[in-house]
Protein backbone atom coordinates (compact mmCIF):
# COMPACT_ATOMS: atom_id res chain seq x y z
CA MET A 1 57.10 67.55 94.38
CA ILE A 2 60.21 69.71 94.37
CA ALA A 3 62.95 69.28 91.79
CA VAL A 4 66.46 68.79 93.13
CA PRO A 5 68.66 71.56 91.64
CA GLU A 6 72.09 71.09 90.04
CA PHE A 7 71.71 67.35 89.71
CA GLN A 8 73.35 65.21 87.05
CA PRO A 9 70.88 62.80 85.40
CA LEU A 10 70.87 59.41 87.10
CA THR A 11 70.38 55.94 85.73
CA PRO A 12 67.65 53.94 87.49
CA GLN A 13 70.25 51.94 89.43
CA GLN A 14 72.06 55.12 90.50
CA TYR A 15 68.72 56.53 91.60
CA PHE A 16 67.95 53.50 93.78
CA GLU A 17 71.40 53.61 95.38
CA TRP A 18 71.27 57.38 95.91
CA GLU A 19 67.72 57.45 97.29
CA ALA A 20 68.55 54.72 99.82
CA GLN A 21 70.94 57.21 101.44
CA GLN A 22 68.39 60.03 101.64
CA GLU A 23 66.01 60.98 104.44
CA LEU A 24 63.27 61.99 102.00
CA ARG A 25 61.59 59.96 99.28
CA TYR A 26 62.16 60.97 95.66
CA GLU A 27 60.22 60.22 92.50
CA TYR A 28 62.21 59.62 89.31
CA PHE A 29 61.52 60.88 85.79
CA ASP A 30 63.93 60.69 82.85
CA GLY A 31 67.04 60.74 85.04
CA ASN A 32 65.79 63.53 87.29
CA VAL A 33 64.65 63.21 90.88
CA PHE A 34 61.91 65.11 92.67
CA ALA A 35 61.51 65.32 96.44
CA MET A 36 58.17 64.25 97.86
CA THR A 37 56.86 67.09 99.99
CA GLY A 38 54.88 66.57 103.18
CA GLY A 39 51.09 66.80 103.10
CA SER A 40 48.50 68.12 105.53
CA LEU A 41 47.26 66.12 108.50
CA SER A 42 44.00 65.42 106.68
CA HIS A 43 45.94 64.20 103.64
CA GLY A 44 47.97 61.80 105.79
CA ARG A 45 44.93 60.54 107.72
CA ILE A 46 42.94 59.89 104.53
CA GLY A 47 45.83 57.99 102.98
CA LEU A 48 46.20 55.90 106.14
CA ASN A 49 42.47 55.20 106.24
CA VAL A 50 42.39 54.02 102.62
CA SER A 51 45.45 51.79 103.03
CA SER A 52 44.13 50.35 106.30
CA LEU A 53 40.66 49.69 104.90
CA LEU A 54 42.08 47.89 101.89
CA LYS A 55 44.59 45.92 103.95
CA SER A 56 42.01 44.76 106.49
CA ARG A 57 39.37 43.81 103.90
CA VAL A 58 41.44 42.07 101.21
CA GLN A 59 44.10 40.43 103.35
CA GLY A 60 44.39 36.71 102.63
CA GLN A 61 42.76 37.05 99.21
CA GLY A 62 45.94 37.22 97.16
CA TYR A 63 46.34 41.00 97.21
CA LEU A 64 49.39 43.02 98.24
CA VAL A 65 48.55 46.45 99.71
CA PHE A 66 51.15 49.22 99.86
CA ASN A 67 50.97 52.61 101.57
CA SER A 68 52.75 55.78 100.44
CA ASP A 69 56.16 54.15 100.98
CA GLY A 70 55.46 51.67 98.17
CA LYS A 71 57.12 52.64 94.90
CA VAL A 72 55.52 51.93 91.50
CA GLY A 73 57.60 51.60 88.33
CA ILE A 74 55.97 52.40 85.02
CA SER A 75 58.69 50.25 83.45
CA GLU A 76 62.00 48.73 84.55
CA ALA A 77 63.66 52.06 83.67
CA GLY A 78 61.01 54.28 85.25
CA PRO A 79 59.43 56.63 85.82
CA PHE A 80 59.11 55.67 89.49
CA THR A 81 56.37 57.18 91.65
CA TYR A 82 55.00 56.93 95.18
CA PRO A 83 51.18 56.66 95.14
CA ASP A 84 49.37 57.17 98.43
CA THR A 85 48.07 53.59 98.16
CA SER A 86 48.58 50.83 95.63
CA VAL A 87 47.36 47.25 95.37
CA SER A 88 48.73 44.37 93.32
CA CYS A 89 47.43 40.87 92.75
CA ASP A 90 50.25 39.94 90.37
CA GLU A 91 52.61 37.17 91.46
CA ARG A 92 55.54 39.01 89.87
CA ASP A 93 55.19 41.78 92.46
CA ARG A 94 55.47 39.32 95.36
CA THR A 95 59.20 39.02 94.84
CA ALA A 96 59.78 42.75 94.18
CA THR A 97 62.28 44.46 96.48
CA GLU A 98 62.43 48.06 95.25
CA PHE A 99 59.22 48.72 93.32
CA ILE A 100 56.10 47.02 92.06
CA GLN A 101 55.21 47.13 88.39
CA PHE A 102 51.82 45.45 88.08
CA PRO A 103 49.31 47.25 90.34
CA CYS A 104 45.60 46.74 89.73
CA LEU A 105 44.57 49.72 91.88
CA ILE A 106 46.25 53.06 92.59
CA VAL A 107 44.88 55.71 94.96
CA GLU A 108 46.10 59.31 95.15
CA VAL A 109 44.92 61.75 97.82
CA LEU A 110 44.61 65.16 96.22
CA SER A 111 46.23 68.31 97.56
CA PRO A 112 46.16 71.84 96.09
CA SER A 113 49.80 71.66 95.00
CA THR A 114 49.56 68.28 93.23
CA GLU A 115 45.94 68.02 92.05
CA ALA A 116 46.59 69.14 88.46
CA TYR A 117 49.53 66.73 88.19
CA ASP A 118 47.58 63.81 89.69
CA ARG A 119 44.70 64.40 87.27
CA GLY A 120 46.88 65.02 84.22
CA ASP A 121 50.45 63.87 83.68
CA LYS A 122 50.50 61.33 86.50
CA PHE A 123 47.28 59.68 85.35
CA ALA A 124 48.74 59.56 81.82
CA LEU A 125 51.75 57.69 83.21
CA TYR A 126 49.59 55.25 85.16
CA ARG A 127 47.45 54.49 82.12
CA GLN A 128 50.56 52.92 80.55
CA LEU A 129 50.34 50.14 83.17
CA GLU A 130 48.40 47.36 81.47
CA SER A 131 47.64 45.78 84.85
CA LEU A 132 45.93 48.91 86.20
CA GLN A 133 42.16 48.52 86.45
CA GLU A 134 41.27 51.50 88.65
CA TYR A 135 42.74 54.91 89.46
CA VAL A 136 41.12 56.66 92.42
CA LEU A 137 41.39 60.30 93.45
CA VAL A 138 40.33 61.19 96.99
CA GLY A 139 39.76 64.79 98.02
CA SER A 140 41.61 66.18 101.04
CA GLU A 141 39.60 69.42 101.18
CA THR A 142 36.19 68.07 100.19
CA LYS A 143 34.50 64.76 100.90
CA THR A 144 34.73 63.37 97.37
CA VAL A 145 36.04 60.22 95.74
CA GLU A 146 36.52 59.86 91.98
CA VAL A 147 37.04 56.44 90.44
CA PHE A 148 38.46 56.01 86.95
CA ARG A 149 37.88 52.43 85.82
CA ARG A 150 39.30 50.68 82.75
CA GLU A 151 36.45 48.84 81.05
CA SER A 152 36.82 45.61 79.06
CA ASN A 153 37.06 47.63 75.82
CA GLY A 154 40.00 49.63 77.21
CA ILE A 155 37.98 52.83 77.65
CA TRP A 156 38.23 54.56 81.05
CA SER A 157 34.91 55.32 82.73
CA PHE A 158 34.44 57.94 85.45
CA ILE A 159 32.40 57.32 88.61
CA PRO A 160 32.11 60.20 91.13
CA TYR A 161 31.12 59.65 94.76
CA ALA A 162 30.21 62.15 97.47
CA GLY A 163 28.19 62.61 100.65
CA GLU A 164 27.10 59.30 102.15
CA ASP A 165 27.85 57.17 99.09
CA GLU A 166 29.34 53.69 99.15
CA VAL A 167 32.52 53.56 97.07
CA GLU A 168 33.10 50.50 94.89
CA PHE A 169 36.67 49.33 94.31
CA ALA A 170 35.79 46.80 91.62
CA SER A 171 39.43 45.83 91.05
CA VAL A 172 39.57 44.24 94.51
CA GLU A 173 35.86 43.41 94.81
CA LEU A 174 35.38 45.74 97.76
CA THR A 175 32.83 48.39 98.70
CA VAL A 176 33.47 50.88 101.54
CA SER A 177 31.62 53.92 102.80
CA ILE A 178 32.93 57.41 102.25
CA ASP A 179 32.52 57.90 106.00
CA ALA A 180 35.10 55.14 106.59
CA ILE A 181 37.55 56.81 104.21
CA TYR A 182 37.15 60.11 106.07
CA GLU A 183 37.04 58.69 109.60
CA ASP A 184 38.69 61.07 112.11
CA VAL A 185 39.42 63.59 109.34
CA ILE A 186 38.66 67.27 109.81
CA LEU A 187 38.48 68.93 106.41
CA ALA A 188 39.52 72.57 106.00
CA GLN A 189 36.04 73.34 104.68
CA SER A 190 34.51 71.88 107.85
CA GLN A 191 36.76 74.07 109.99
CA ASP A 192 35.74 77.17 108.03
CA GLU A 193 32.05 76.32 108.42
CA ARG A 194 32.50 75.80 112.18
CA SER A 195 34.25 79.17 112.53
CA LEU A 196 31.35 80.91 110.77
CA ARG A 197 28.81 79.26 113.09
CA GLU A 198 30.75 80.33 116.16
CA ARG A 199 30.78 84.01 115.15
């Protein structure tokens, strides 16, 4: 994310009206807006794969699946973020027009510039959502998936996946292979390994 310089703090409604006129998407925190920067091809492909897998598998079961254009509001007044994928099964989100507020699953694809934020401050924001059951981090440089799951006692458990594992999205009762998440994705590490073999 890149902060917009010399910007007067906006109310949430001013933010919605202003962002609708912009070419880029902007996240909103405490009156300030931050431009969403473009990701790598692998980042975009992974995000598309996750959204497509969820959409195709849970369609017709009461779930709403959103890609990276779907905005999530931590409250009515923000902050407002753009996860790579989000899923809601809450009827209140069915009539939402600008943002959803009750996701059960949020997926972020990691990149070097945002990984610390996704793991730290952003996850802290998402934990405020009482509806959220799972927060998933997907690597864009390594073939790894990390699932943080809210247990019945409110404690978050951590389940790492790698290699040929099957990834469980318990919040939507779905299991998918890591290979499906990384279909048609060439990771930077794979390119480096190929270059070494060709020398």
